[in-house]
Amino acid sequence: MSDYEKVREISAWAHGLWEHQGDAQVDTRDPITLILQARESRAFRCVEYAIVIAACLSAVGIPSRTLGLMMRDVETRSSSAGHVVAEAYLRDLDKWIMVDGQWDAIPWLGGSPLNAVELQHAIAARARVLSIDSSCGTEAREYVRWVTPYLYYFSIYADLRAGESGWQERQVILVPVGAKEPTVFQRTIPIDAIYTRNLATFYQPPIVGAKQP
């Protein structure tokens, strides 16, 4: 089984663990606890899909991370200003790809899976061959219409190593050229971040031997 096939299977499996509930109250980020609670009919948010997918991919040797997507007006909206997905690094393609567990959606352009910024660029260019690989029937038109507003700011954790106190909340945020650097999420939640406009820095290959969350 190729790395992409593993990503495809894990996304489909995680998507079926629970029903999405955007306002669910969650008190853990531990993927095993989330899976066990899902078996008790708990419902979770997009965040928890990304956590479980990233952890499972790491467990089978595929570098992964959670990726925050934020709207342009992330500072002033009172709710629904962000979405969270996973990204996996495929060594044979030498690139990161986006995996949305809530929708069980992996975007493709032509013959290649895309990362989140590549998806943003494909949508902006009105690419006609943009497609969505999904085991649950998610259609490209529906997904693109829904996800497009979230593809403005992109964030990852500054330190992906588990158990490094003081770093879990700090982010690296990719900011569009000329755009404001956001410092608060949904009016009230402070953002602790390092900002970059360098796409190559944000999408650099993972460091060999680094611990995954």
N, C-alpha and C. Protein backbone atom coordinates (compact mmCIF):
# COMPACT_ATOMS: atom_id res chain seq x y z
N MET A 1 0.85 -1.20 0.00
CA MET A 1 0.00 0.00 0.00
C MET A 1 0.88 1.25 0.00
N SER A 2 0.61 2.18 -0.88
CA SER A 2 1.39 3.42 -0.97
C SER A 2 1.03 4.34 0.19
N ASP A 3 1.88 5.35 0.42
CA ASP A 3 1.58 6.32 1.47
C ASP A 3 0.26 7.03 1.18
N TYR A 4 0.01 7.36 -0.07
CA TYR A 4 -1.25 8.04 -0.38
C TYR A 4 -2.44 7.14 -0.05
N GLU A 5 -2.34 5.87 -0.38
CA GLU A 5 -3.43 4.94 -0.07
C GLU A 5 -3.66 4.84 1.43
N LYS A 6 -2.60 4.91 2.22
CA LYS A 6 -2.74 4.92 3.68
C LYS A 6 -3.47 6.19 4.13
N VAL A 7 -3.10 7.32 3.55
CA VAL A 7 -3.78 8.56 3.88
C VAL A 7 -5.26 8.46 3.53
N ARG A 8 -5.55 7.93 2.37
CA ARG A 8 -6.94 7.80 1.91
C ARG A 8 -7.74 6.92 2.87
N GLU A 9 -7.18 5.79 3.30
CA GLU A 9 -7.88 4.86 4.18
C GLU A 9 -8.08 5.47 5.57
N ILE A 10 -7.07 6.14 6.09
CA ILE A 10 -7.18 6.72 7.43
C ILE A 10 -8.19 7.86 7.43
N SER A 11 -8.21 8.66 6.39
CA SER A 11 -9.19 9.74 6.31
C SER A 11 -10.62 9.19 6.31
N ALA A 12 -10.86 8.17 5.50
CA ALA A 12 -12.20 7.57 5.44
C ALA A 12 -12.60 6.97 6.78
N TRP A 13 -11.65 6.28 7.43
CA TRP A 13 -11.93 5.67 8.72
C TRP A 13 -12.26 6.73 9.77
N ALA A 14 -11.43 7.77 9.85
CA ALA A 14 -11.65 8.82 10.85
C ALA A 14 -12.96 9.56 10.61
N HIS A 15 -13.29 9.78 9.35
CA HIS A 15 -14.53 10.47 9.02
C HIS A 15 -15.74 9.74 9.59
N GLY A 16 -15.67 8.43 9.64
CA GLY A 16 -16.80 7.64 10.10
C GLY A 16 -16.86 7.40 11.60
N LEU A 17 -15.93 7.97 12.36
CA LEU A 17 -15.89 7.70 13.80
C LEU A 17 -17.01 8.38 14.57
N TRP A 18 -17.43 9.57 14.12
CA TRP A 18 -18.48 10.30 14.84
C TRP A 18 -19.19 11.26 13.89
N GLU A 19 -20.29 11.82 14.37
CA GLU A 19 -21.00 12.87 13.64
C GLU A 19 -20.39 14.22 14.00
N HIS A 20 -20.20 15.06 13.00
CA HIS A 20 -19.61 16.37 13.26
C HIS A 20 -20.56 17.25 14.06
N GLN A 21 -20.00 17.92 15.07
CA GLN A 21 -20.75 18.89 15.86
C GLN A 21 -19.85 20.07 16.13
N GLY A 22 -20.08 21.17 15.44
CA GLY A 22 -19.18 22.31 15.48
C GLY A 22 -19.06 22.99 16.82
N ASP A 23 -20.07 22.86 17.68
CA ASP A 23 -20.02 23.52 18.99
C ASP A 23 -19.79 22.53 20.13
N ALA A 24 -19.26 21.36 19.82
CA ALA A 24 -19.00 20.36 20.85
C ALA A 24 -18.00 20.88 21.88
N GLN A 25 -18.23 20.55 23.14
CA GLN A 25 -17.31 20.93 24.21
C GLN A 25 -16.31 19.78 24.41
N VAL A 26 -15.03 20.05 24.16
CA VAL A 26 -14.01 19.01 24.17
C VAL A 26 -12.94 19.37 25.20
N ASP A 27 -12.56 18.38 26.02
CA ASP A 27 -11.59 18.64 27.08
C ASP A 27 -10.29 17.87 26.91
N THR A 28 -10.04 17.33 25.72
CA THR A 28 -8.81 16.57 25.50
C THR A 28 -8.33 16.74 24.06
N ARG A 29 -7.02 16.60 23.89
CA ARG A 29 -6.44 16.55 22.55
C ARG A 29 -5.79 15.20 22.29
N ASP A 30 -5.98 14.29 23.22
CA ASP A 30 -5.38 12.97 23.08
C ASP A 30 -6.16 12.14 22.08
N PRO A 31 -5.53 11.70 20.99
CA PRO A 31 -6.28 10.99 19.95
C PRO A 31 -6.90 9.68 20.42
N ILE A 32 -6.22 8.95 21.30
CA ILE A 32 -6.78 7.69 21.78
C ILE A 32 -8.04 7.95 22.61
N THR A 33 -7.99 8.97 23.47
CA THR A 33 -9.16 9.33 24.26
C THR A 33 -10.32 9.74 23.36
N LEU A 34 -10.02 10.50 22.31
CA LEU A 34 -11.07 10.92 21.38
C LEU A 34 -11.73 9.71 20.70
N ILE A 35 -10.92 8.75 20.28
CA ILE A 35 -11.45 7.56 19.63
C ILE A 35 -12.33 6.78 20.60
N LEU A 36 -11.89 6.62 21.83
CA LEU A 36 -12.66 5.89 22.83
C LEU A 36 -13.98 6.61 23.13
N GLN A 37 -13.92 7.93 23.23
CA GLN A 37 -15.14 8.69 23.50
C GLN A 37 -16.09 8.64 22.31
N ALA A 38 -15.55 8.58 21.11
CA ALA A 38 -16.40 8.46 19.92
C ALA A 38 -17.19 7.16 19.94
N ARG A 39 -16.59 6.11 20.49
CA ARG A 39 -17.29 4.82 20.60
C ARG A 39 -18.47 4.90 21.56
N GLU A 40 -18.48 5.93 22.41
CA GLU A 40 -19.58 6.15 23.34
C GLU A 40 -20.58 7.16 22.77
N SER A 41 -20.54 7.33 21.45
CA SER A 41 -21.47 8.21 20.73
C SER A 41 -21.23 9.69 20.98
N ARG A 42 -20.00 10.06 21.38
CA ARG A 42 -19.65 11.48 21.46
C ARG A 42 -19.51 12.05 20.07
N ALA A 43 -19.86 13.31 19.91
CA ALA A 43 -19.67 14.02 18.64
C ALA A 43 -18.59 15.08 18.85
N PHE A 44 -17.81 15.35 17.79
CA PHE A 44 -16.70 16.27 17.92
C PHE A 44 -16.64 17.24 16.73
N ARG A 45 -15.66 18.15 16.81
CA ARG A 45 -15.49 19.21 15.82
C ARG A 45 -14.50 18.80 14.73
N CYS A 46 -14.28 19.73 13.80
CA CYS A 46 -13.27 19.51 12.76
C CYS A 46 -11.89 19.32 13.37
N VAL A 47 -11.63 20.03 14.48
CA VAL A 47 -10.33 19.96 15.14
C VAL A 47 -9.98 18.52 15.50
N GLU A 48 -10.95 17.80 16.03
CA GLU A 48 -10.69 16.45 16.51
C GLU A 48 -10.46 15.47 15.35
N TYR A 49 -11.15 15.68 14.22
CA TYR A 49 -10.84 14.87 13.04
C TYR A 49 -9.36 15.03 12.67
N ALA A 50 -8.90 16.28 12.66
CA ALA A 50 -7.51 16.55 12.26
C ALA A 50 -6.52 15.93 13.24
N ILE A 51 -6.82 16.02 14.55
CA ILE A 51 -5.93 15.45 15.56
C ILE A 51 -5.80 13.94 15.37
N VAL A 52 -6.93 13.26 15.21
CA VAL A 52 -6.91 11.81 15.07
C VAL A 52 -6.20 11.39 13.78
N ILE A 53 -6.49 12.07 12.68
CA ILE A 53 -5.86 11.72 11.41
C ILE A 53 -4.35 11.93 11.48
N ALA A 54 -3.93 13.08 12.02
CA ALA A 54 -2.49 13.35 12.10
C ALA A 54 -1.79 12.32 12.97
N ALA A 55 -2.40 11.94 14.09
CA ALA A 55 -1.79 10.96 14.98
C ALA A 55 -1.69 9.59 14.32
N CYS A 56 -2.75 9.19 13.63
CA CYS A 56 -2.74 7.87 12.98
C CYS A 56 -1.73 7.83 11.83
N LEU A 57 -1.62 8.90 11.10
CA LEU A 57 -0.63 8.95 10.02
C LEU A 57 0.79 8.87 10.59
N SER A 58 1.02 9.60 11.68
CA SER A 58 2.34 9.54 12.32
C SER A 58 2.64 8.13 12.79
N ALA A 59 1.61 7.43 13.29
CA ALA A 59 1.80 6.08 13.81
C ALA A 59 2.22 5.09 12.72
N VAL A 60 1.83 5.35 11.47
CA VAL A 60 2.22 4.46 10.37
C VAL A 60 3.40 5.02 9.58
N GLY A 61 4.08 6.02 10.16
CA GLY A 61 5.33 6.52 9.58
C GLY A 61 5.20 7.62 8.56
N ILE A 62 4.01 8.24 8.48
CA ILE A 62 3.82 9.34 7.52
C ILE A 62 3.85 10.66 8.29
N PRO A 63 4.83 11.54 8.05
CA PRO A 63 4.86 12.83 8.74
C PRO A 63 3.55 13.59 8.53
N SER A 64 3.04 14.17 9.60
CA SER A 64 1.74 14.82 9.51
C SER A 64 1.66 15.96 10.51
N ARG A 65 0.64 16.80 10.33
CA ARG A 65 0.43 17.93 11.22
C ARG A 65 -1.02 18.39 11.08
N THR A 66 -1.50 19.08 12.08
CA THR A 66 -2.79 19.73 11.94
C THR A 66 -2.56 21.12 11.33
N LEU A 67 -3.53 21.57 10.57
CA LEU A 67 -3.41 22.85 9.86
C LEU A 67 -4.68 23.67 10.10
N GLY A 68 -4.50 24.87 10.66
CA GLY A 68 -5.62 25.76 10.86
C GLY A 68 -5.84 26.63 9.64
N LEU A 69 -7.09 26.75 9.23
CA LEU A 69 -7.48 27.64 8.15
C LEU A 69 -8.32 28.76 8.75
N MET A 70 -8.02 29.99 8.41
CA MET A 70 -8.74 31.11 9.01
C MET A 70 -9.21 32.10 7.95
N MET A 71 -10.39 32.65 8.19
CA MET A 71 -10.97 33.63 7.29
C MET A 71 -10.25 34.96 7.36
N ARG A 72 -10.47 35.76 6.36
CA ARG A 72 -9.84 37.09 6.31
C ARG A 72 -10.24 37.94 7.52
N ASP A 73 -11.50 37.83 7.95
CA ASP A 73 -11.99 38.63 9.07
C ASP A 73 -11.95 37.84 10.38
N VAL A 74 -10.93 37.01 10.54
CA VAL A 74 -10.81 36.14 11.71
C VAL A 74 -10.82 36.93 13.02
N GLU A 75 -10.34 38.17 13.00
CA GLU A 75 -10.27 38.95 14.23
C GLU A 75 -11.62 39.52 14.64
N THR A 76 -12.51 39.75 13.71
CA THR A 76 -13.75 40.46 14.01
C THR A 76 -15.00 39.58 14.00
N ARG A 77 -14.92 38.39 13.41
CA ARG A 77 -16.06 37.48 13.46
C ARG A 77 -16.22 36.93 14.86
N SER A 78 -17.45 36.72 15.27
CA SER A 78 -17.69 36.18 16.61
C SER A 78 -17.71 34.66 16.65
N SER A 79 -17.84 34.02 15.48
CA SER A 79 -17.87 32.56 15.44
C SER A 79 -17.57 32.09 14.02
N SER A 80 -17.26 30.79 13.90
CA SER A 80 -17.05 30.14 12.60
C SER A 80 -15.98 30.82 11.75
N ALA A 81 -14.93 31.34 12.40
CA ALA A 81 -13.87 32.04 11.67
C ALA A 81 -12.75 31.11 11.22
N GLY A 82 -12.79 29.86 11.67
CA GLY A 82 -11.71 28.95 11.34
C GLY A 82 -12.18 27.54 11.07
N HIS A 83 -11.32 26.77 10.46
CA HIS A 83 -11.56 25.36 10.17
C HIS A 83 -10.21 24.66 10.36
N VAL A 84 -10.22 23.39 10.72
CA VAL A 84 -8.97 22.67 10.95
C VAL A 84 -8.96 21.38 10.15
N VAL A 85 -7.85 21.15 9.46
CA VAL A 85 -7.66 19.94 8.66
C VAL A 85 -6.31 19.33 9.06
N ALA A 86 -5.97 18.23 8.42
CA ALA A 86 -4.64 17.65 8.59
C ALA A 86 -3.86 17.82 7.29
N GLU A 87 -2.56 17.78 7.39
CA GLU A 87 -1.71 17.69 6.20
C GLU A 87 -0.71 16.56 6.41
N ALA A 88 -0.46 15.82 5.33
CA ALA A 88 0.46 14.69 5.37
C ALA A 88 1.58 14.93 4.37
N TYR A 89 2.78 14.53 4.74
CA TYR A 89 3.91 14.68 3.84
C TYR A 89 4.16 13.36 3.12
N LEU A 90 4.01 13.37 1.79
CA LEU A 90 4.23 12.17 0.98
C LEU A 90 5.65 12.21 0.43
N ARG A 91 6.48 11.29 0.88
CA ARG A 91 7.89 11.30 0.50
C ARG A 91 8.08 11.05 -0.99
N ASP A 92 7.24 10.18 -1.58
CA ASP A 92 7.43 9.88 -3.00
C ASP A 92 7.09 11.07 -3.89
N LEU A 93 6.23 11.96 -3.40
CA LEU A 93 5.91 13.17 -4.16
C LEU A 93 6.68 14.39 -3.66
N ASP A 94 7.36 14.24 -2.51
CA ASP A 94 8.12 15.32 -1.90
C ASP A 94 7.24 16.56 -1.69
N LYS A 95 6.07 16.34 -1.07
CA LYS A 95 5.18 17.47 -0.84
C LYS A 95 4.17 17.14 0.26
N TRP A 96 3.60 18.21 0.83
CA TRP A 96 2.50 18.10 1.78
C TRP A 96 1.18 18.07 1.01
N ILE A 97 0.23 17.30 1.54
CA ILE A 97 -1.11 17.29 0.96
C ILE A 97 -2.14 17.51 2.06
N MET A 98 -3.27 18.09 1.70
CA MET A 98 -4.33 18.43 2.64
C MET A 98 -5.32 17.28 2.77
N VAL A 99 -5.74 17.02 4.02
CA VAL A 99 -6.70 15.95 4.30
C VAL A 99 -7.77 16.50 5.24
N ASP A 100 -8.98 16.64 4.76
CA ASP A 100 -10.07 17.20 5.55
C ASP A 100 -10.94 16.06 6.06
N GLY A 101 -10.79 15.70 7.33
CA GLY A 101 -11.53 14.58 7.88
C GLY A 101 -13.01 14.84 8.05
N GLN A 102 -13.38 16.08 8.30
CA GLN A 102 -14.80 16.40 8.46
C GLN A 102 -15.58 16.06 7.19
N TRP A 103 -14.98 16.34 6.05
CA TRP A 103 -15.61 16.09 4.76
C TRP A 103 -15.06 14.83 4.08
N ASP A 104 -14.07 14.19 4.67
CA ASP A 104 -13.32 13.12 4.03
C ASP A 104 -12.93 13.54 2.62
N ALA A 105 -12.20 14.65 2.54
CA ALA A 105 -11.88 15.27 1.26
C ALA A 105 -10.38 15.49 1.11
N ILE A 106 -9.84 15.02 -0.01
CA ILE A 106 -8.46 15.30 -0.38
C ILE A 106 -8.51 15.97 -1.75
N PRO A 107 -8.07 17.23 -1.87
CA PRO A 107 -8.17 17.93 -3.15
C PRO A 107 -7.09 17.49 -4.13
N TRP A 108 -7.48 17.43 -5.39
CA TRP A 108 -6.56 17.07 -6.48
C TRP A 108 -6.69 18.09 -7.61
N LEU A 109 -5.57 18.31 -8.27
CA LEU A 109 -5.57 19.10 -9.50
C LEU A 109 -4.86 18.29 -10.56
N GLY A 110 -5.59 17.87 -11.58
CA GLY A 110 -5.01 17.00 -12.57
C GLY A 110 -4.62 15.69 -11.94
N GLY A 111 -3.34 15.35 -12.00
CA GLY A 111 -2.88 14.08 -11.47
C GLY A 111 -2.14 14.18 -10.17
N SER A 112 -2.34 15.25 -9.38
CA SER A 112 -1.58 15.42 -8.15
C SER A 112 -2.46 15.92 -7.01
N PRO A 113 -2.31 15.33 -5.80
CA PRO A 113 -3.02 15.86 -4.63
C PRO A 113 -2.40 17.19 -4.21
N LEU A 114 -3.21 18.05 -3.58
CA LEU A 114 -2.80 19.41 -3.27
C LEU A 114 -2.65 19.65 -1.77
N ASN A 115 -1.78 20.59 -1.42
CA ASN A 115 -1.82 21.12 -0.07
C ASN A 115 -2.82 22.27 -0.03
N ALA A 116 -3.02 22.86 1.14
CA ALA A 116 -4.08 23.86 1.29
C ALA A 116 -3.84 25.12 0.46
N VAL A 117 -2.60 25.57 0.39
CA VAL A 117 -2.31 26.78 -0.38
C VAL A 117 -2.45 26.50 -1.88
N GLU A 118 -2.05 25.32 -2.30
CA GLU A 118 -2.25 24.95 -3.70
C GLU A 118 -3.73 24.90 -4.04
N LEU A 119 -4.55 24.44 -3.09
CA LEU A 119 -5.99 24.45 -3.30
C LEU A 119 -6.50 25.88 -3.45
N GLN A 120 -6.02 26.77 -2.60
CA GLN A 120 -6.39 28.18 -2.69
C GLN A 120 -6.06 28.74 -4.07
N HIS A 121 -4.85 28.44 -4.56
CA HIS A 121 -4.42 28.94 -5.86
C HIS A 121 -5.26 28.35 -6.99
N ALA A 122 -5.59 27.07 -6.89
CA ALA A 122 -6.39 26.42 -7.92
C ALA A 122 -7.78 27.02 -7.99
N ILE A 123 -8.36 27.31 -6.82
CA ILE A 123 -9.69 27.93 -6.79
C ILE A 123 -9.64 29.33 -7.39
N ALA A 124 -8.60 30.10 -7.02
CA ALA A 124 -8.46 31.46 -7.54
C ALA A 124 -8.30 31.46 -9.05
N ALA A 125 -7.63 30.44 -9.58
CA ALA A 125 -7.40 30.34 -11.02
C ALA A 125 -8.57 29.70 -11.75
N ARG A 126 -9.61 29.31 -11.00
CA ARG A 126 -10.80 28.66 -11.57
C ARG A 126 -10.41 27.41 -12.37
N ALA A 127 -9.54 26.63 -11.77
CA ALA A 127 -9.05 25.43 -12.45
C ALA A 127 -10.20 24.46 -12.72
N ARG A 128 -10.34 24.04 -13.95
CA ARG A 128 -11.47 23.19 -14.33
C ARG A 128 -11.25 21.73 -13.98
N VAL A 129 -10.01 21.35 -13.75
CA VAL A 129 -9.74 19.94 -13.45
C VAL A 129 -9.55 19.71 -11.95
N LEU A 130 -9.98 20.66 -11.13
CA LEU A 130 -9.93 20.50 -9.69
C LEU A 130 -10.95 19.45 -9.28
N SER A 131 -10.52 18.47 -8.47
CA SER A 131 -11.42 17.41 -8.04
C SER A 131 -11.19 17.10 -6.56
N ILE A 132 -12.11 16.33 -5.98
CA ILE A 132 -12.02 15.93 -4.59
C ILE A 132 -12.07 14.41 -4.53
N ASP A 133 -11.06 13.81 -3.89
CA ASP A 133 -11.05 12.38 -3.65
C ASP A 133 -11.73 12.14 -2.31
N SER A 134 -12.86 11.45 -2.32
CA SER A 134 -13.64 11.25 -1.11
C SER A 134 -14.34 9.90 -1.17
N SER A 135 -14.34 9.19 -0.05
CA SER A 135 -15.03 7.90 -0.01
C SER A 135 -16.50 8.06 0.38
N CYS A 136 -16.90 9.26 0.76
CA CYS A 136 -18.29 9.46 1.21
C CYS A 136 -19.09 10.32 0.25
N GLY A 137 -18.55 10.57 -0.93
CA GLY A 137 -19.32 11.28 -1.95
C GLY A 137 -19.25 12.79 -1.92
N THR A 138 -18.30 13.37 -1.19
CA THR A 138 -18.15 14.82 -1.19
C THR A 138 -17.84 15.30 -2.61
N GLU A 139 -18.64 16.23 -3.10
CA GLU A 139 -18.46 16.75 -4.46
C GLU A 139 -17.61 18.00 -4.46
N ALA A 140 -16.82 18.16 -5.52
CA ALA A 140 -15.88 19.28 -5.60
C ALA A 140 -16.59 20.62 -5.52
N ARG A 141 -17.69 20.78 -6.24
CA ARG A 141 -18.37 22.08 -6.26
C ARG A 141 -18.86 22.46 -4.87
N GLU A 142 -19.48 21.51 -4.18
CA GLU A 142 -19.99 21.78 -2.83
C GLU A 142 -18.85 22.10 -1.87
N TYR A 143 -17.79 21.30 -1.92
CA TYR A 143 -16.69 21.50 -0.98
C TYR A 143 -15.97 22.82 -1.24
N VAL A 144 -15.70 23.12 -2.49
CA VAL A 144 -15.01 24.36 -2.83
C VAL A 144 -15.81 25.57 -2.36
N ARG A 145 -17.12 25.54 -2.58
CA ARG A 145 -17.96 26.65 -2.14
C ARG A 145 -17.88 26.84 -0.63
N TRP A 146 -17.83 25.73 0.10
CA TRP A 146 -17.81 25.82 1.55
C TRP A 146 -16.45 26.24 2.09
N VAL A 147 -15.36 25.66 1.56
CA VAL A 147 -14.04 25.86 2.16
C VAL A 147 -13.35 27.14 1.72
N THR A 148 -13.72 27.70 0.59
CA THR A 148 -13.00 28.86 0.04
C THR A 148 -12.84 30.02 1.03
N PRO A 149 -13.87 30.43 1.77
CA PRO A 149 -13.67 31.56 2.69
C PRO A 149 -12.63 31.32 3.76
N TYR A 150 -12.35 30.05 4.07
CA TYR A 150 -11.37 29.72 5.11
C TYR A 150 -9.93 29.75 4.60
N LEU A 151 -9.74 29.82 3.32
CA LEU A 151 -8.39 29.71 2.75
C LEU A 151 -7.71 31.07 2.61
N TYR A 152 -7.55 31.75 3.74
CA TYR A 152 -6.89 33.06 3.72
C TYR A 152 -5.62 33.04 4.56
N TYR A 153 -5.75 32.77 5.86
CA TYR A 153 -4.59 32.56 6.73
C TYR A 153 -4.43 31.06 6.97
N PHE A 154 -3.18 30.61 7.14
CA PHE A 154 -2.90 29.20 7.38
C PHE A 154 -1.97 29.11 8.59
N SER A 155 -2.26 28.19 9.51
CA SER A 155 -1.44 28.12 10.72
C SER A 155 -1.10 26.68 11.09
N ILE A 156 0.12 26.51 11.59
CA ILE A 156 0.57 25.25 12.15
C ILE A 156 1.17 25.55 13.51
N TYR A 157 1.36 24.51 14.34
CA TYR A 157 2.04 24.73 15.61
C TYR A 157 3.52 24.94 15.37
N ALA A 158 4.11 25.84 16.15
CA ALA A 158 5.53 26.17 15.98
C ALA A 158 6.42 24.99 16.33
N ASP A 159 5.97 24.16 17.26
CA ASP A 159 6.75 23.02 17.69
C ASP A 159 5.82 21.81 17.75
N LEU A 160 6.06 20.83 16.90
CA LEU A 160 5.19 19.67 16.83
C LEU A 160 5.56 18.58 17.82
N ARG A 161 6.64 18.75 18.55
CA ARG A 161 7.08 17.70 19.47
C ARG A 161 6.12 17.58 20.65
N ALA A 162 5.74 16.37 20.96
CA ALA A 162 4.82 16.12 22.07
C ALA A 162 5.49 16.40 23.40
N GLY A 163 4.75 17.05 24.30
CA GLY A 163 5.24 17.21 25.65
C GLY A 163 6.19 18.37 25.88
N GLU A 164 6.36 19.23 24.87
CA GLU A 164 7.24 20.39 25.05
C GLU A 164 6.43 21.54 25.64
N SER A 165 6.43 21.67 26.95
CA SER A 165 5.59 22.65 27.62
C SER A 165 5.93 24.06 27.17
N GLY A 166 4.88 24.86 27.02
CA GLY A 166 5.06 26.25 26.65
C GLY A 166 5.05 26.49 25.15
N TRP A 167 5.03 25.43 24.33
CA TRP A 167 5.08 25.62 22.89
C TRP A 167 3.82 25.17 22.17
N GLN A 168 3.00 24.36 22.82
CA GLN A 168 1.87 23.80 22.09
C GLN A 168 0.93 24.84 21.49
N GLU A 169 0.80 25.99 22.14
CA GLU A 169 -0.15 26.99 21.67
C GLU A 169 0.46 27.97 20.67
N ARG A 170 1.78 28.03 20.59
CA ARG A 170 2.39 28.99 19.68
C ARG A 170 2.29 28.49 18.25
N GLN A 171 1.95 29.38 17.34
CA GLN A 171 1.69 29.01 15.97
C GLN A 171 2.68 29.68 15.02
N VAL A 172 2.79 29.11 13.85
CA VAL A 172 3.40 29.78 12.71
C VAL A 172 2.26 30.06 11.74
N ILE A 173 2.05 31.32 11.40
CA ILE A 173 0.93 31.70 10.54
C ILE A 173 1.45 32.23 9.22
N LEU A 174 0.96 31.64 8.15
CA LEU A 174 1.28 32.11 6.79
C LEU A 174 0.31 33.22 6.44
N VAL A 175 0.86 34.40 6.19
CA VAL A 175 0.05 35.60 5.96
C VAL A 175 0.20 36.04 4.51
N PRO A 176 -0.90 36.33 3.81
CA PRO A 176 -0.79 36.83 2.44
C PRO A 176 0.01 38.13 2.38
N VAL A 177 0.72 38.33 1.31
CA VAL A 177 1.49 39.56 1.12
C VAL A 177 0.55 40.75 1.18
N GLY A 178 0.88 41.73 2.03
CA GLY A 178 0.08 42.93 2.17
C GLY A 178 -1.05 42.83 3.18
N ALA A 179 -1.27 41.64 3.73
CA ALA A 179 -2.37 41.45 4.67
C ALA A 179 -1.92 41.73 6.10
N LYS A 180 -2.88 42.02 6.95
CA LYS A 180 -2.63 42.26 8.37
C LYS A 180 -2.26 40.96 9.07
N GLU A 181 -1.38 41.03 10.04
CA GLU A 181 -1.05 39.87 10.86
C GLU A 181 -2.07 39.76 11.98
N PRO A 182 -2.88 38.71 11.99
CA PRO A 182 -3.94 38.61 13.01
C PRO A 182 -3.36 38.34 14.40
N THR A 183 -3.91 39.00 15.39
CA THR A 183 -3.42 38.84 16.77
C THR A 183 -4.49 38.34 17.72
N VAL A 184 -5.73 38.21 17.23
CA VAL A 184 -6.82 37.71 18.06
C VAL A 184 -7.74 36.87 17.20
N PHE A 185 -8.28 35.80 17.79
CA PHE A 185 -9.20 34.90 17.09
C PHE A 185 -10.60 35.13 17.59
N GLN A 186 -11.51 35.44 16.68
CA GLN A 186 -12.92 35.64 17.02
C GLN A 186 -13.12 36.62 18.18
N ARG A 187 -12.44 37.75 18.08
CA ARG A 187 -12.60 38.90 18.97
C ARG A 187 -11.96 38.77 20.35
N THR A 188 -11.88 37.55 20.90
CA THR A 188 -11.50 37.43 22.30
C THR A 188 -10.30 36.55 22.59
N ILE A 189 -9.91 35.67 21.68
CA ILE A 189 -8.86 34.69 21.96
C ILE A 189 -7.53 35.18 21.41
N PRO A 190 -6.55 35.50 22.27
CA PRO A 190 -5.26 36.00 21.78
C PRO A 190 -4.54 34.94 20.93
N ILE A 191 -3.87 35.40 19.90
CA ILE A 191 -3.07 34.53 19.04
C ILE A 191 -1.59 34.75 19.35
N ASP A 192 -0.92 33.69 19.76
CA ASP A 192 0.52 33.73 20.00
C ASP A 192 1.18 33.13 18.76
N ALA A 193 1.85 33.94 17.95
CA ALA A 193 2.29 33.43 16.66
C ALA A 193 3.60 34.05 16.19
N ILE A 194 4.25 33.28 15.34
CA ILE A 194 5.35 33.74 14.50
C ILE A 194 4.75 33.88 13.11
N TYR A 195 4.96 34.99 12.45
CA TYR A 195 4.33 35.25 11.16
C TYR A 195 5.34 35.11 10.03
N THR A 196 4.88 34.57 8.91
CA THR A 196 5.74 34.46 7.73
C THR A 196 4.90 34.67 6.49
N ARG A 197 5.54 35.18 5.47
CA ARG A 197 4.92 35.28 4.15
C ARG A 197 5.68 34.42 3.14
N ASN A 198 6.57 33.59 3.66
CA ASN A 198 7.42 32.74 2.84
C ASN A 198 6.80 31.36 2.71
N LEU A 199 6.32 31.04 1.53
CA LEU A 199 5.64 29.77 1.31
C LEU A 199 6.59 28.59 1.46
N ALA A 200 7.83 28.76 1.02
CA ALA A 200 8.80 27.68 1.12
C ALA A 200 9.11 27.33 2.58
N THR A 201 9.15 28.35 3.44
CA THR A 201 9.36 28.11 4.86
C THR A 201 8.20 27.35 5.46
N PHE A 202 7.00 27.76 5.13
CA PHE A 202 5.81 27.13 5.70
C PHE A 202 5.67 25.68 5.25
N TYR A 203 6.09 25.39 4.02
CA TYR A 203 5.93 24.06 3.47
C TYR A 203 7.26 23.32 3.31
N GLN A 204 8.21 23.61 4.16
CA GLN A 204 9.48 22.89 4.08
C GLN A 204 9.28 21.43 4.48
N PRO A 205 10.10 20.53 3.96
CA PRO A 205 9.99 19.11 4.33
C PRO A 205 10.17 18.93 5.83
N PRO A 206 9.54 17.92 6.42
CA PRO A 206 9.69 17.68 7.86
C PRO A 206 11.12 17.30 8.21
N ILE A 207 11.52 17.63 9.42
CA ILE A 207 12.85 17.29 9.90
C ILE A 207 12.89 15.82 10.27
N VAL A 208 13.82 15.08 9.72
CA VAL A 208 13.93 13.64 9.99
C VAL A 208 14.20 13.43 11.47
N GLY A 209 13.42 12.55 12.09
CA GLY A 209 13.62 12.22 13.49
C GLY A 209 12.82 13.07 14.45
N ALA A 210 12.11 14.14 13.93
CA ALA A 210 11.31 14.97 14.83
C ALA A 210 10.10 14.19 15.31
N LYS A 211 9.77 14.38 16.59
CA LYS A 211 8.59 13.72 17.15
C LYS A 211 7.33 14.36 16.59
N GLN A 212 6.30 13.56 16.38
CA GLN A 212 5.03 14.04 15.90
C GLN A 212 4.04 14.07 17.06
N PRO A 213 3.00 14.94 16.96
CA PRO A 213 2.04 15.03 18.06
C PRO A 213 1.17 13.81 18.14
